[in-house]
Each structure stands twice: as structure tokens, then as C-alpha cells.
Protein backbone atom coordinates (compact mmCIF):
# COMPACT_ATOMS: atom_id res chain seq x y z
CA MET A 1 -0.37 64.27 -41.76
CA LYS A 2 0.94 65.08 -37.95
CA SER A 3 -0.49 64.01 -35.13
CA ASN A 4 -0.16 65.97 -31.22
CA ILE A 5 -0.73 63.41 -29.01
CA ARG A 6 -0.51 63.55 -24.87
CA ILE A 7 1.10 60.05 -23.42
CA THR A 8 0.43 60.66 -19.87
CA SER A 9 2.69 57.98 -17.91
CA THR A 10 5.65 59.33 -15.59
CA PHE A 11 9.00 59.52 -14.79
CA LEU A 12 9.80 59.52 -11.00
CA THR A 13 12.78 59.37 -8.32
CA LEU A 14 12.26 59.06 -4.51
CA PHE A 15 15.32 60.14 -2.83
CA LEU A 16 14.54 59.19 1.41
CA PHE A 17 17.09 60.19 4.43
CA HIS A 18 16.93 58.62 7.42
CA THR A 19 18.39 60.86 10.26
CA SER A 20 19.23 57.60 12.09
CA ILE A 21 21.43 56.14 9.81
CA SER A 22 25.15 55.25 11.21
CA SER A 23 28.22 55.48 9.02
CA TYR A 24 28.84 52.12 9.12
CA GLY A 25 26.74 48.90 8.61
CA ASN A 26 24.14 47.78 6.34
CA GLU A 27 22.67 51.49 5.59
CA ALA A 28 20.15 50.16 3.38
CA GLU A 29 18.38 48.45 6.30
CA LYS A 30 16.44 51.61 7.67
CA PHE A 31 14.72 51.53 4.53
CA LEU A 32 13.66 48.13 4.07
CA GLY A 33 10.18 47.21 4.59
CA ARG A 34 6.50 48.90 3.82
CA TRP A 35 5.75 52.33 3.49
CA ALA A 36 2.33 54.16 3.58
CA LEU A 37 2.34 57.14 0.75
CA HIS A 38 -0.01 60.11 2.21
CA PHE A 39 -1.23 62.87 -0.09
CA GLU A 40 -3.53 65.33 -0.02
CA GLN A 41 -5.78 63.44 -1.93
CA GLY A 42 -5.05 60.32 -2.85
CA MET A 43 -2.65 57.71 -1.50
CA GLY A 44 0.29 55.09 -2.28
CA TRP A 45 2.71 52.27 -1.23
CA LEU A 46 6.50 51.58 -1.44
CA GLU A 47 8.23 47.89 -0.14
CA VAL A 48 11.83 48.41 -0.19
CA ARG A 49 13.60 44.75 0.03
CA GLN A 50 17.19 43.42 0.35
CA GLU A 51 17.16 40.52 -2.67
CA ASP A 52 20.38 37.95 -3.01
CA GLY A 53 22.53 40.94 -3.59
CA TYR A 54 20.85 43.59 -4.43
CA LEU A 55 17.86 45.61 -3.64
CA ASP A 56 14.61 45.90 -4.97
CA ALA A 57 11.11 47.98 -4.73
CA ASP A 58 7.70 47.97 -5.62
CA LEU A 59 5.52 50.90 -5.94
CA LEU A 60 1.84 52.18 -6.00
CA TRP A 61 1.26 55.48 -7.02
CA ARG A 62 -1.99 56.52 -6.20
CA GLY A 63 -4.38 54.74 -8.27
CA GLY A 64 -3.77 51.71 -10.57
CA SER A 65 -1.59 48.75 -10.06
CA VAL A 66 1.59 48.01 -7.94
CA THR A 67 4.46 48.21 -10.20
CA PRO A 68 8.37 47.16 -10.35
CA VAL A 69 10.44 50.30 -10.01
CA ALA A 70 13.57 50.38 -12.56
CA ASN A 71 15.96 51.29 -9.90
CA VAL A 72 16.67 51.86 -5.86
CA TYR A 73 19.93 51.89 -4.44
CA VAL A 74 21.24 53.97 -1.23
CA SER A 75 24.12 56.60 -1.43
CA ASN A 76 25.49 58.63 1.50
CA GLY A 77 22.34 57.46 3.54
CA LYS A 78 20.26 58.25 1.32
CA LEU A 79 17.51 55.94 -0.44
CA TYR A 80 17.19 56.82 -4.49
CA VAL A 81 13.92 54.66 -6.08
CA THR A 82 13.59 55.61 -9.69
CA ARG A 83 10.25 54.40 -12.06
CA THR A 84 10.28 54.92 -15.54
CA SER A 85 8.39 55.30 -18.09
CA GLU A 86 7.65 58.38 -20.63
CA VAL A 87 5.48 61.29 -21.38
CA THR A 88 4.92 62.34 -24.51
CA PHE A 89 3.47 65.53 -25.60
CA LYS A 90 3.28 65.19 -29.35
CA LYS A 91 4.46 62.22 -32.49
CA ASN A 92 5.45 62.79 -35.94
CA SER A 93 3.81 60.98 -38.54
CA THR A 94 6.29 57.62 -38.35
CA ASP A 95 4.92 57.72 -34.91
CA GLU A 96 7.95 58.76 -33.26
CA ARG A 97 8.29 60.53 -30.09
CA ILE A 98 9.34 64.20 -30.37
CA HIS A 99 9.03 65.49 -26.85
CA THR A 100 9.31 64.30 -23.44
CA ALA A 101 9.51 64.87 -20.12
CA THR A 102 9.69 63.47 -16.15
CA ASN A 103 8.38 64.03 -12.78
CA VAL A 104 10.62 63.55 -9.69
CA LEU A 105 9.31 62.78 -6.32
CA SER A 106 11.73 63.28 -3.09
CA LEU A 107 11.67 62.57 0.35
CA GLU A 108 13.28 62.88 3.44
CA GLY A 109 13.29 61.70 7.04
CA THR A 110 11.51 63.27 10.30
CA SER A 111 11.37 61.76 13.57
CA ASN A 112 7.79 60.49 12.57
CA GLY A 113 8.65 59.28 9.35
CA LEU A 114 9.27 60.60 5.89
CA ILE A 115 8.41 63.94 4.19
CA GLY A 116 8.60 65.37 0.88
CA THR A 117 7.72 66.85 -2.86
CA TYR A 118 6.51 65.45 -6.11
CA LEU A 119 7.65 67.47 -9.03
CA GLN A 120 5.97 67.45 -12.34
CA PRO A 121 7.25 69.92 -14.70
CA LEU A 122 4.55 72.44 -16.38
CA ARG A 123 4.03 71.02 -20.23
CA SER A 124 5.85 74.05 -21.01
CA GLY A 125 8.98 73.83 -19.05
CA ASP A 126 8.35 76.89 -17.62
CA GLY A 127 7.85 75.57 -13.48
CA ALA A 128 6.22 72.46 -12.26
CA ASP A 129 3.50 71.31 -9.82
CA ILE A 130 4.16 70.69 -6.85
CA THR A 131 2.33 67.75 -4.67
CA TYR A 132 3.32 67.33 -1.13
CA VAL A 133 4.16 63.46 0.48
CA ARG A 134 3.80 62.36 3.68
CA ALA A 135 5.33 58.37 4.26
CA ASP A 136 4.86 56.04 7.78
CA LYS A 137 6.65 52.56 7.86
CA ILE A 138 4.11 49.98 8.07
CA PRO A 139 3.85 47.92 10.61
CA SER A 140 5.37 43.97 9.71
CA LEU A 141 2.30 41.34 9.67
CA PRO A 142 1.30 39.13 12.10
CA ALA A 143 1.34 35.38 11.62
CA ALA A 144 -1.82 33.85 9.51
CA PRO A 145 -4.51 33.77 11.99
CA ASP A 146 -6.73 30.24 12.87
CA LEU A 147 -9.95 31.44 11.23
CA SER A 148 -11.56 28.71 12.74
CA LEU A 149 -11.20 30.19 16.70
CA ILE A 150 -12.54 33.42 15.32
CA LYS A 151 -16.24 34.24 17.04
CA PHE A 152 -18.61 36.60 14.76
CA ASP A 153 -21.08 39.52 15.86
CA GLU A 154 -24.33 39.60 14.20
CA PRO A 155 -24.77 39.87 10.92
CA ILE A 156 -25.93 42.98 9.23
CA GLU A 157 -28.10 43.57 6.00
CA LEU A 158 -26.57 46.36 4.16
CA ILE A 159 -29.14 47.23 1.83
CA LYS A 160 -32.51 46.09 3.60
CA ASP A 161 -34.01 49.73 3.86
CA GLY A 162 -32.49 50.98 0.40
CA LEU A 163 -30.06 53.72 0.21
CA SER A 164 -30.14 54.08 3.47
CA GLY A 165 -26.59 53.62 5.59
CA TRP A 166 -24.99 54.28 2.09
CA LYS A 167 -23.27 57.32 0.38
CA LEU A 168 -21.34 58.75 -2.17
CA THR A 169 -17.44 58.96 -1.56
CA ASP A 170 -17.82 62.24 -3.46
CA SER A 171 -21.26 64.49 -3.43
CA GLU A 172 -20.17 66.33 -6.70
CA ASN A 173 -20.28 63.32 -8.66
CA VAL A 174 -23.48 61.56 -10.68
CA ASN A 175 -25.34 58.86 -8.50
CA GLY A 176 -25.74 56.12 -10.99
CA TRP A 177 -27.24 53.52 -8.06
CA THR A 178 -30.53 52.73 -7.18
CA VAL A 179 -32.43 49.86 -5.24
CA GLU A 180 -34.96 47.98 -6.56
CA LYS A 181 -36.81 44.75 -5.29
CA GLY A 182 -33.74 44.48 -3.17
CA ILE A 183 -30.95 44.69 -5.71
CA LEU A 184 -28.87 47.58 -5.82
CA THR A 185 -27.94 48.35 -9.61
CA ASN A 186 -25.40 50.93 -10.84
CA ASN A 187 -26.06 52.23 -14.42
CA PRO A 188 -23.57 54.80 -15.44
CA VAL A 189 -25.15 55.82 -18.73
CA GLN A 190 -22.50 57.80 -20.95
CA LYS A 191 -23.94 59.76 -24.03
CA ASP A 192 -22.28 59.74 -27.38
CA GLU A 193 -20.38 62.80 -28.00
CA GLU A 194 -20.93 64.70 -24.87
CA LYS A 195 -18.78 65.58 -22.16
CA HIS A 196 -17.89 62.12 -19.50
CA ILE A 197 -20.21 62.04 -16.83
CA ARG A 198 -18.20 61.12 -13.81
CA TYR A 199 -20.38 58.65 -11.68
CA GLY A 200 -19.52 58.07 -8.09
CA ASN A 201 -18.37 54.95 -5.95
CA LEU A 202 -20.95 53.96 -3.30
CA ARG A 203 -19.93 53.45 0.11
CA THR A 204 -21.46 52.39 3.25
CA VAL A 205 -21.79 55.30 6.10
CA ASP A 206 -21.02 52.80 8.60
CA GLU A 207 -17.20 51.45 9.19
CA PHE A 208 -15.83 47.91 10.11
CA GLU A 209 -12.87 46.91 11.41
CA ASP A 210 -12.43 42.73 10.59
CA PHE A 211 -15.05 41.01 9.03
CA ASN A 212 -17.06 38.22 6.89
CA LEU A 213 -18.89 39.99 3.82
CA GLN A 214 -21.37 37.70 1.58
CA LEU A 215 -22.75 39.34 -1.14
CA SER A 216 -24.08 38.28 -4.85
CA VAL A 217 -23.66 40.46 -7.66
CA ASN A 218 -23.72 40.15 -11.36
CA VAL A 219 -21.46 41.50 -14.15
CA PRO A 220 -22.43 42.51 -17.93
CA LYS A 221 -20.26 41.25 -20.44
CA GLY A 222 -17.57 43.72 -20.79
CA SER A 223 -18.42 45.95 -17.17
CA ASN A 224 -16.07 46.74 -14.32
CA SER A 225 -16.66 47.01 -10.81
CA GLY A 226 -15.29 46.42 -7.43
CA VAL A 227 -15.66 46.02 -3.98
CA TYR A 228 -13.57 47.92 -1.54
CA LEU A 229 -13.33 46.05 2.04
CA LYS A 230 -12.49 49.23 4.39
CA GLY A 231 -12.47 51.53 1.46
CA ILE A 232 -8.80 50.29 1.16
CA TYR A 233 -8.50 46.49 -0.23
CA GLU A 234 -10.38 46.31 -3.37
CA VAL A 235 -11.75 42.75 -4.55
CA GLN A 236 -11.75 42.94 -8.02
CA VAL A 237 -15.39 42.63 -9.92
CA VAL A 238 -14.72 42.63 -13.76
CA ASP A 239 -15.90 40.51 -16.83
CA SER A 240 -12.75 38.15 -16.54
CA TYR A 241 -14.67 34.49 -17.82
CA GLY A 242 -12.06 32.58 -19.31
CA ASN A 243 -8.99 34.21 -19.19
CA GLU A 244 -5.83 33.37 -17.54
CA LEU A 245 -5.22 33.29 -14.18
CA ASP A 246 -3.95 36.50 -12.76
CA SER A 247 -4.46 39.35 -10.13
CA HIS A 248 -6.47 41.72 -11.86
CA ASN A 249 -9.56 38.55 -12.43
CA MET A 250 -12.80 38.04 -10.59
CA GLY A 251 -12.17 37.78 -6.50
CA ALA A 252 -8.34 38.65 -7.03
CA LEU A 253 -7.31 41.43 -4.51
CA TYR A 254 -6.81 44.34 -7.33
CA SER A 255 -2.92 43.90 -8.38
CA ARG A 256 -1.97 41.72 -5.28
CA ILE A 257 -2.90 38.62 -4.91
CA THR A 258 -4.20 35.96 -7.75
CA PRO A 259 -6.47 33.76 -7.24
CA LEU A 260 -5.50 30.01 -6.71
CA GLN A 261 -7.79 28.44 -9.40
CA ALA A 262 -10.65 30.47 -11.95
CA ALA A 263 -13.96 30.20 -10.43
CA GLU A 264 -15.80 32.89 -11.79
CA LYS A 265 -19.22 32.60 -13.92
CA LYS A 266 -20.26 33.92 -17.70
CA ALA A 267 -21.07 37.42 -17.79
CA GLY A 268 -24.53 38.30 -16.88
CA LYS A 269 -25.12 35.59 -14.32
CA TRP A 270 -25.24 35.75 -10.70
CA GLN A 271 -22.09 35.10 -8.28
CA LYS A 272 -21.53 34.21 -4.77
CA MET A 273 -18.66 36.29 -2.71
CA ASP A 274 -17.24 35.15 1.08
CA ILE A 275 -15.07 37.37 2.02
CA THR A 276 -13.39 37.59 5.19
CA LEU A 277 -10.61 40.27 6.42
CA PHE A 278 -9.23 39.18 9.80
CA ASP A 279 -5.61 40.38 10.79
CA ARG A 280 -4.44 41.94 7.31
CA HIS A 281 -5.54 38.61 6.22
CA LEU A 282 -7.70 37.75 3.08
CA THR A 283 -9.72 34.74 2.27
CA VAL A 284 -12.13 34.98 -1.10
CA ILE A 285 -14.42 32.29 -1.67
CA LEU A 286 -16.15 32.16 -5.32
CA ASN A 287 -18.82 30.43 -6.28
CA GLY A 288 -18.39 27.90 -3.41
CA LYS A 289 -14.49 27.74 -4.86
CA LYS A 290 -11.80 29.20 -2.34
CA ILE A 291 -9.81 31.07 -4.49
CA ILE A 292 -7.58 33.14 -1.94
CA ASP A 293 -6.54 31.15 1.40
CA ASN A 294 -5.68 33.29 4.25
CA HIS A 295 -3.47 35.05 2.65
CA PRO A 296 -1.62 38.27 4.14
CA VAL A 297 -2.03 41.83 2.45
CA PHE A 298 1.28 43.66 1.84
CA GLY A 299 -0.60 46.87 1.63
CA VAL A 300 -3.54 49.09 0.10
CA THR A 301 -4.80 49.04 -3.43
CA GLY A 302 -5.58 51.35 -6.35
CA GLY A 303 -8.19 53.71 -5.52
CA ALA A 304 -8.18 53.36 -1.61
CA ILE A 305 -9.67 56.15 0.55
CA THR A 306 -6.67 55.99 2.91
CA SER A 307 -3.45 55.08 2.89
CA ASN A 308 -4.07 54.09 6.66
CA GLU A 309 -4.64 50.27 7.41
CA PHE A 310 -5.42 50.54 11.22
CA ASN A 311 -8.79 52.16 11.25
CA PRO A 312 -12.11 50.85 10.67
CA GLY A 313 -13.78 51.98 7.33
CA PRO A 314 -16.58 51.34 4.97
CA ILE A 315 -17.38 48.77 2.42
CA LEU A 316 -17.15 50.40 -0.69
CA LEU A 317 -18.75 49.83 -4.06
CA GLN A 318 -16.92 50.97 -7.43
CA GLY A 319 -19.31 53.00 -9.70
CA ASP A 320 -16.97 54.88 -11.73
CA HIS A 321 -16.56 51.67 -14.50
CA GLY A 322 -18.97 50.29 -15.43
CA ALA A 323 -23.04 48.74 -14.80
CA VAL A 324 -23.01 45.79 -11.96
CA SER A 325 -25.34 44.77 -9.57
CA TYR A 326 -25.89 43.57 -6.17
CA GLU A 327 -27.90 41.97 -3.86
CA ASP A 328 -28.08 39.56 -0.57
CA ILE A 329 -24.92 41.97 0.69
CA VAL A 330 -24.42 40.96 4.83
CA ILE A 331 -21.38 41.96 6.91
CA THR A 332 -20.99 39.88 10.06
CA PRO A 333 -18.17 41.96 11.96
CA ILE A 334 -15.25 39.60 14.11
CA VAL A 335 -15.41 39.84 17.77
CA LYS A 336 -11.88 40.48 19.53
């Protein structure tokens, strides 16, 4: 029996042009560094770097993880970055792909950054969807701050008055969040054989710049959530007890920073997080063990609400993945 299966993945090429490239020297130098990618909806990130005798690059395309690209090179003042995967519309009885497609992203320079389009061919082959993209160069990271010199403002209890001071990031999503006896719980129940219910992420109304954030979290077996700092950096909340160290484990900065040691508890137990974000450097203490130590943060993570790392932002709790409970959420802003 033949089966028709569509596996969504992408093949994309980035084409960048910088108007100030001269006809001599290493023209790739103009593109080295990190770029924030902005869309009408969603965000992305690109890093281009010079390795030993070759260029390399990593890409975050809206959601998911930061991944290496397949190829990157400069020709005639233009930078080409290619990420390869496949879009399969159909398979035959022996599981062989019998139709593939490609997606293409092209960017070119302006005096303020880069602009471009992302072309995704329609399944019919008649035309393509177009997404407009803007890219800005991200300023270099400062040196690691001396955390012993930090001065703090007054602490703020974020669930002192229930859901007052919180709202869904998208009001069209279903609210699975409730507060009872000081415990904030998300229960995204799905009903068998019924249309998938899209539950909402919860964010603070207030926005913050740099801070220390302390909370307790309880993750049921197999469940998944996340704490987004400023709405852009996800500290992973997941049942990963017993797993090998990985940048997708409990307490990791999602797909970016792997914990120094495993400190998570078994599913269903309350766990304590102590998180400090200062000058784009992150420290995470999980259950009394330091698992990220003043580590530089190179860019936003998948699911961020913006690519801009330099404005204040909310504390955001991921609610569209699985059940989770939080309590004793206290944020203490850093005085600059």
C-alpha cells in the first residue's frame, strides 16, 4: 500500500550583499559576526565565523535549535549560506521519497543592515510564498561581569496576587494557567480524536532588563516547559533526569549552553532555580548546584518573542508543551 506523507523540513540559501565591500582584502570579513534576523512574525539568528582556513556558520530559523549550516562562502561581494534538509510530499511502499522541494532565503545590504525575502515554493509548484526578512548586526559581547559587584533593587513577588500582572502572549490561545494556594499551574489537556487545542504561553505584563530570578518548579514525567528571560532566552524546564549532559536538558539555555553538571531531580519533585542574567551573561544554579557559570549568551533561543536583545522584556513561561507547576517566583532587578 502506498502512503502519502509530508515531512516538513527545509533547504534554504542565504544571499547577503554588503554595499561597502571593497575590491581588495578579505571580503568575508564584512560578514563575520552575529546577526539578528527579524520577520513580521517570529525571529532568527545567524553567526558567520572564520575557522582555520574556511568559513563556517550556525543558524536559528525561527523556532527549534541552533544548527550548523551545510555550506558558507563569499563570491563577488556576496555571502551565500546554505542549510540543507528535505521536504517530502510523498513516499512509496518501500519508504522511498518520490518528491522533494527547496526553500530559498536571500538577503542584501542597506545602510542600516540587511533586508531580504524567504521563498517557499507551493506544493503545487505554481508560485511561492514570500516572507520578508530584516537582519541587524549584533554588537560584540562585553567581558564577563564581576557578579560580586552587582547591586540589586527590591525583590518583586510575581505570583503574590494570582494571575494579576500576567497575560497570555497570544490572546487567541486557550489559557491553561491557574493559581491556587500560591502555586501557578498549567494543565494543557488534549482530548482524544479531537482537534489539537493550542494553549498559551504566559508572560509578565512588566518588563525587566538584567536581574536575578528565583523560582521553584515541578515537572511531571515526560513533560516540558521553559522559562524565557526577557522573553528571548529560554532556560529549559523538562523531565531530563538520568539523561546525558545536553543543551536541551533541565536548566540548560536551550540549544546554546550545556550544563556543567547534572543537577535535576526525578519527575514530580519540586526543584529550585536561581538564575542571574547580567550583561548578556548567564548563571544558573539548579537545586543548589551551579550548572551555568557566568557564561556568555550569543543570541536568542527558539521561540523568542523578538530578536532584539537590548530592550527590557518579560518573564515568559512556556505553556503550549506540557503540564507544569511553578511557585515562589521572585525577580530582583539589577541596578546599573
